[in-house]
Amino acid sequence: MSTPTETRKIPAPIYAAAGAGDLAYQQLRKLPAKVAELRGRVAELRPVVTETLAEAPRKVDVDKLRGAAMRNAQAVVVGAQAAQEKAQAVYADLVIRGERVVRSARSETADEIKVVAEVVEPETTRRSADAQLPTVPDKATKRARTSTAK
């Protein structure tokens, strides 16, 4: 696991949010294939589940359920620390991913600004050159001046 850079201007949570958005986008792109796969599994498992439920005893063993609940509770406590460590690693990875997303977005924006500047600059230069040219009065303006002077 690499550590995020410490000399960034944007706070790590913002990078993490950008990374989470990018990750969500990538996962959503895989969703249609996953849905098709799961539909096939449901069709495959439906007869097995139906048969198992038909054979299941109707009587509930409370002691057996209590023992299973205790084992599950202990497993949750033990797994909580591992989950916290994994969450910290995922967060750091999201920050790194977000930094890459922001960096690529900034470079794309800079490229777009450069293209716009190249398009706008000649037009602006032309306008400023036109503004510097001396104005030549047209014939109607000359006539108006001479008639008012008389």
C-alpha atoms as a PDB file:
ATOM      1  CA  MET A   1       0.000   0.000   0.000  1.00  0.00           C
ATOM      2  CA  SER A   2       1.435   3.341  -0.973  1.00  0.00           C
ATOM      3  CA  THR A   3       0.852   6.418   1.112  1.00  0.00           C
ATOM      4  CA  PRO A   4      -0.823   9.490  -0.380  1.00  0.00           C
ATOM      5  CA  THR A   5       1.344  12.525  -0.946  1.00  0.00           C
ATOM      6  CA  GLU A   6       1.456  15.053   1.848  1.00  0.00           C
ATOM      7  CA  THR A   7       1.931  18.153  -0.349  1.00  0.00           C
ATOM      8  CA  ARG A   8      -1.540  18.253  -1.889  1.00  0.00           C
ATOM      9  CA  LYS A   9      -3.773  21.303  -1.912  1.00  0.00           C
ATOM     10  CA  ILE A  10      -7.078  19.403  -1.893  1.00  0.00           C
ATOM     11  CA  PRO A  11      -8.048  17.566   1.342  1.00  0.00           C
ATOM     12  CA  ALA A  12      -7.833  13.762   1.328  1.00  0.00           C
ATOM     13  CA  PRO A  13     -11.612  13.272   1.839  1.00  0.00           C
ATOM     14  CA  ILE A  14     -12.254  15.102  -1.442  1.00  0.00           C
ATOM     15  CA  TYR A  15      -9.792  12.834  -3.221  1.00  0.00           C
ATOM     16  CA  ALA A  16     -11.431   9.825  -1.555  1.00  0.00           C
ATOM     17  CA  ALA A  17     -14.847  10.966  -2.786  1.00  0.00           C
ATOM     18  CA  ALA A  18     -13.507  11.368  -6.325  1.00  0.00           C
ATOM     19  CA  GLY A  19     -11.919   7.925  -6.102  1.00  0.00           C
ATOM     20  CA  ALA A  20     -15.159   6.409  -4.784  1.00  0.00           C
ATOM     21  CA  GLY A  21     -17.091   7.976  -7.647  1.00  0.00           C
ATOM     22  CA  ASP A  22     -14.647   6.580 -10.188  1.00  0.00           C
ATOM     23  CA  LEU A  23     -14.771   3.140  -8.562  1.00  0.00           C
ATOM     24  CA  ALA A  24     -18.583   3.203  -8.509  1.00  0.00           C
ATOM     25  CA  TYR A  25     -18.634   4.142 -12.181  1.00  0.00           C
ATOM     26  CA  GLN A  26     -16.322   1.252 -13.065  1.00  0.00           C
ATOM     27  CA  GLN A  27     -18.425  -1.201 -11.042  1.00  0.00           C
ATOM     28  CA  LEU A  28     -21.703   0.025 -12.563  1.00  0.00           C
ATOM     29  CA  ARG A  29     -20.305  -0.665 -16.010  1.00  0.00           C
ATOM     30  CA  LYS A  30     -19.938  -4.341 -14.982  1.00  0.00           C
ATOM     31  CA  LEU A  31     -23.488  -4.547 -13.588  1.00  0.00           C
ATOM     32  CA  PRO A  32     -25.426  -5.847 -16.646  1.00  0.00           C
ATOM     33  CA  ALA A  33     -23.103  -8.857 -17.009  1.00  0.00           C
ATOM     34  CA  LYS A  34     -23.349  -9.597 -13.269  1.00  0.00           C
ATOM     35  CA  VAL A  35     -27.177  -9.464 -13.367  1.00  0.00           C
ATOM     36  CA  ALA A  36     -27.248 -11.950 -16.233  1.00  0.00           C
ATOM     37  CA  GLU A  37     -24.892 -14.270 -14.324  1.00  0.00           C
ATOM     38  CA  LEU A  38     -27.011 -14.119 -11.154  1.00  0.00           C
ATOM     39  CA  ARG A  39     -30.232 -14.811 -13.049  1.00  0.00           C
ATOM     40  CA  GLY A  40     -28.664 -18.018 -14.322  1.00  0.00           C
ATOM     41  CA  ARG A  41     -27.610 -19.009 -10.793  1.00  0.00           C
ATOM     42  CA  VAL A  42     -31.141 -18.373  -9.424  1.00  0.00           C
ATOM     43  CA  ALA A  43     -32.651 -20.604 -12.080  1.00  0.00           C
ATOM     44  CA  GLU A  44     -30.064 -23.272 -11.253  1.00  0.00           C
ATOM     45  CA  LEU A  45     -30.546 -23.139  -7.460  1.00  0.00           C
ATOM     46  CA  ARG A  46     -34.337 -22.776  -7.300  1.00  0.00           C
ATOM     47  CA  PRO A  47     -35.101 -26.539  -7.462  1.00  0.00           C
ATOM     48  CA  VAL A  48     -32.440 -27.337  -4.824  1.00  0.00           C
ATOM     49  CA  VAL A  49     -33.760 -24.729  -2.387  1.00  0.00           C
ATOM     50  CA  THR A  50     -37.355 -25.821  -2.897  1.00  0.00           C
ATOM     51  CA  GLU A  51     -36.444 -29.451  -2.241  1.00  0.00           C
ATOM     52  CA  THR A  52     -34.407 -28.595   0.876  1.00  0.00           C
ATOM     53  CA  LEU A  53     -37.243 -26.526   2.351  1.00  0.00           C
ATOM     54  CA  ALA A  54     -39.727 -29.328   1.747  1.00  0.00           C
ATOM     55  CA  GLU A  55     -37.506 -31.751   3.686  1.00  0.00           C
ATOM     56  CA  ALA A  56     -36.678 -29.334   6.547  1.00  0.00           C
ATOM     57  CA  PRO A  57     -38.172 -30.178   9.920  1.00  0.00           C
ATOM     58  CA  ARG A  58     -40.918 -27.865  11.110  1.00  0.00           C
ATOM     59  CA  LYS A  59     -39.714 -27.869  14.726  1.00  0.00           C
ATOM     60  CA  VAL A  60     -37.285 -25.104  15.808  1.00  0.00           C
ATOM     61  CA  ASP A  61     -34.481 -26.027  18.227  1.00  0.00           C
ATOM     62  CA  VAL A  62     -34.021 -22.878  20.374  1.00  0.00           C
ATOM     63  CA  ASP A  63     -30.813 -24.102  22.055  1.00  0.00           C
ATOM     64  CA  LYS A  64     -29.228 -24.795  18.699  1.00  0.00           C
ATOM     65  CA  LEU A  65     -30.178 -21.309  17.470  1.00  0.00           C
ATOM     66  CA  ARG A  66     -28.817 -19.713  20.673  1.00  0.00           C
ATOM     67  CA  GLY A  67     -25.464 -21.491  20.236  1.00  0.00           C
ATOM     68  CA  ALA A  68     -25.236 -20.404  16.601  1.00  0.00           C
ATOM     69  CA  ALA A  69     -26.026 -16.792  17.573  1.00  0.00           C
ATOM     70  CA  MET A  70     -23.256 -16.806  20.227  1.00  0.00           C
ATOM     71  CA  ARG A  71     -20.701 -18.167  17.751  1.00  0.00           C
ATOM     72  CA  ASN A  72     -21.735 -15.575  15.191  1.00  0.00           C
ATOM     73  CA  ALA A  73     -21.462 -12.743  17.740  1.00  0.00           C
ATOM     74  CA  GLN A  74     -17.928 -13.806  18.653  1.00  0.00           C
ATOM     75  CA  ALA A  75     -16.971 -13.984  14.990  1.00  0.00           C
ATOM     76  CA  VAL A  76     -18.300 -10.450  14.486  1.00  0.00           C
ATOM     77  CA  VAL A  77     -16.165  -9.095  17.342  1.00  0.00           C
ATOM     78  CA  VAL A  78     -13.045 -10.795  15.991  1.00  0.00           C
ATOM     79  CA  GLY A  79     -13.773  -9.680  12.442  1.00  0.00           C
ATOM     80  CA  ALA A  80     -14.394  -6.041  13.394  1.00  0.00           C
ATOM     81  CA  GLN A  81     -10.705  -5.235  13.785  1.00  0.00           C
ATOM     82  CA  ALA A  82      -9.867  -6.864  10.473  1.00  0.00           C
ATOM     83  CA  ALA A  83     -12.693  -4.919   8.845  1.00  0.00           C
ATOM     84  CA  GLN A  84     -11.378  -1.654  10.312  1.00  0.00           C
ATOM     85  CA  GLU A  85      -7.889  -2.314   8.943  1.00  0.00           C
ATOM     86  CA  LYS A  86      -9.317  -3.181   5.543  1.00  0.00           C
ATOM     87  CA  ALA A  87     -11.458  -0.016   5.597  1.00  0.00           C
ATOM     88  CA  GLN A  88      -8.365   2.096   6.254  1.00  0.00           C
ATOM     89  CA  ALA A  89      -6.553   0.426   3.347  1.00  0.00           C
ATOM     90  CA  VAL A  90      -9.544   0.942   1.046  1.00  0.00           C
ATOM     91  CA  TYR A  91      -9.751   4.605   2.094  1.00  0.00           C
ATOM     92  CA  ALA A  92      -6.066   5.131   1.291  1.00  0.00           C
ATOM     93  CA  ASP A  93      -6.560   3.449  -2.083  1.00  0.00           C
ATOM     94  CA  LEU A  94      -9.571   5.684  -2.783  1.00  0.00           C
ATOM     95  CA  VAL A  95      -7.501   8.773  -1.972  1.00  0.00           C
ATOM     96  CA  ILE A  96      -4.790   7.656  -4.395  1.00  0.00           C
ATOM     97  CA  ARG A  97      -7.378   6.841  -7.060  1.00  0.00           C
ATOM     98  CA  GLY A  98      -9.031  10.225  -6.521  1.00  0.00           C
ATOM     99  CA  GLU A  99      -5.704  12.007  -6.907  1.00  0.00           C
ATOM    100  CA  ARG A 100      -5.274  10.292 -10.288  1.00  0.00           C
ATOM    101  CA  VAL A 101      -8.825  11.214 -11.350  1.00  0.00           C
ATOM    102  CA  VAL A 102      -8.364  14.861 -10.351  1.00  0.00           C
ATOM    103  CA  ARG A 103      -4.932  15.021 -11.984  1.00  0.00           C
ATOM    104  CA  SER A 104      -6.284  13.636 -15.275  1.00  0.00           C
ATOM    105  CA  ALA A 105      -9.305  15.965 -15.127  1.00  0.00           C
ATOM    106  CA  ARG A 106      -7.003  18.932 -14.548  1.00  0.00           C
ATOM    107  CA  SER A 107      -4.783  17.998 -17.496  1.00  0.00           C
ATOM    108  CA  GLU A 108      -7.844  17.543 -19.743  1.00  0.00           C
ATOM    109  CA  THR A 109      -9.165  20.934 -18.625  1.00  0.00           C
ATOM    110  CA  ALA A 110      -5.767  22.515 -19.245  1.00  0.00           C
ATOM    111  CA  ASP A 111      -5.719  21.005 -22.748  1.00  0.00           C
ATOM    112  CA  GLU A 112      -9.222  22.348 -23.422  1.00  0.00           C
ATOM    113  CA  ILE A 113      -8.239  25.803 -22.162  1.00  0.00           C
ATOM    114  CA  LYS A 114      -5.177  25.748 -24.405  1.00  0.00           C
ATOM    115  CA  VAL A 115      -7.324  24.862 -27.442  1.00  0.00           C
ATOM    116  CA  VAL A 116      -9.852  27.589 -26.602  1.00  0.00           C
ATOM    117  CA  ALA A 117      -7.018  30.085 -26.134  1.00  0.00           C
ATOM    118  CA  GLU A 118      -5.593  29.171 -29.543  1.00  0.00           C
ATOM    119  CA  VAL A 119      -8.996  29.707 -31.144  1.00  0.00           C
ATOM    120  CA  VAL A 120      -9.823  32.934 -29.286  1.00  0.00           C
ATOM    121  CA  GLU A 121      -6.354  34.503 -29.422  1.00  0.00           C
ATOM    122  CA  PRO A 122      -6.244  35.185 -33.191  1.00  0.00           C
ATOM    123  CA  GLU A 123      -9.733  36.723 -33.040  1.00  0.00           C
ATOM    124  CA  THR A 124      -8.730  38.924 -30.100  1.00  0.00           C
ATOM    125  CA  THR A 125      -5.514  39.914 -31.841  1.00  0.00           C
ATOM    126  CA  ARG A 126      -7.498  40.812 -34.962  1.00  0.00           C
ATOM    127  CA  ARG A 127      -9.898  42.975 -32.923  1.00  0.00           C
ATOM    128  CA  SER A 128      -7.093  44.823 -31.174  1.00  0.00           C
ATOM    129  CA  ALA A 129      -5.307  45.375 -34.506  1.00  0.00           C
ATOM    130  CA  ASP A 130      -8.545  46.751 -35.987  1.00  0.00           C
ATOM    131  CA  ALA A 131      -8.909  49.093 -33.007  1.00  0.00           C
ATOM    132  CA  GLN A 132      -5.451  50.504 -33.632  1.00  0.00           C
ATOM    133  CA  LEU A 133      -6.135  51.352 -37.302  1.00  0.00           C
ATOM    134  CA  PRO A 134      -7.078  54.970 -38.015  1.00  0.00           C
ATOM    135  CA  THR A 135     -10.728  55.367 -38.873  1.00  0.00           C
ATOM    136  CA  VAL A 136     -11.514  56.752 -42.286  1.00  0.00           C
ATOM    137  CA  PRO A 137     -14.801  58.647 -42.433  1.00  0.00           C
ATOM    138  CA  ASP A 138     -17.160  57.536 -45.147  1.00  0.00           C
ATOM    139  CA  LYS A 139     -18.645  59.920 -47.781  1.00  0.00           C
ATOM    140  CA  ALA A 140     -21.876  60.551 -45.839  1.00  0.00           C
ATOM    141  CA  THR A 141     -19.919  61.662 -42.768  1.00  0.00           C
ATOM    142  CA  LYS A 142     -17.775  64.026 -44.932  1.00  0.00           C
ATOM    143  CA  ARG A 143     -20.882  65.571 -46.499  1.00  0.00           C
ATOM    144  CA  ALA A 144     -22.470  66.097 -43.094  1.00  0.00           C
ATOM    145  CA  ARG A 145     -19.364  67.864 -41.835  1.00  0.00           C
ATOM    146  CA  THR A 146     -19.033  70.120 -44.844  1.00  0.00           C
ATOM    147  CA  SER A 147     -22.717  71.071 -44.834  1.00  0.00           C
ATOM    148  CA  THR A 148     -22.677  72.043 -41.140  1.00  0.00           C
ATOM    149  CA  ALA A 149     -19.473  74.021 -41.626  1.00  0.00           C
ATOM    150  CA  LYS A 150     -21.018  76.246 -44.327  1.00  0.00           C
END
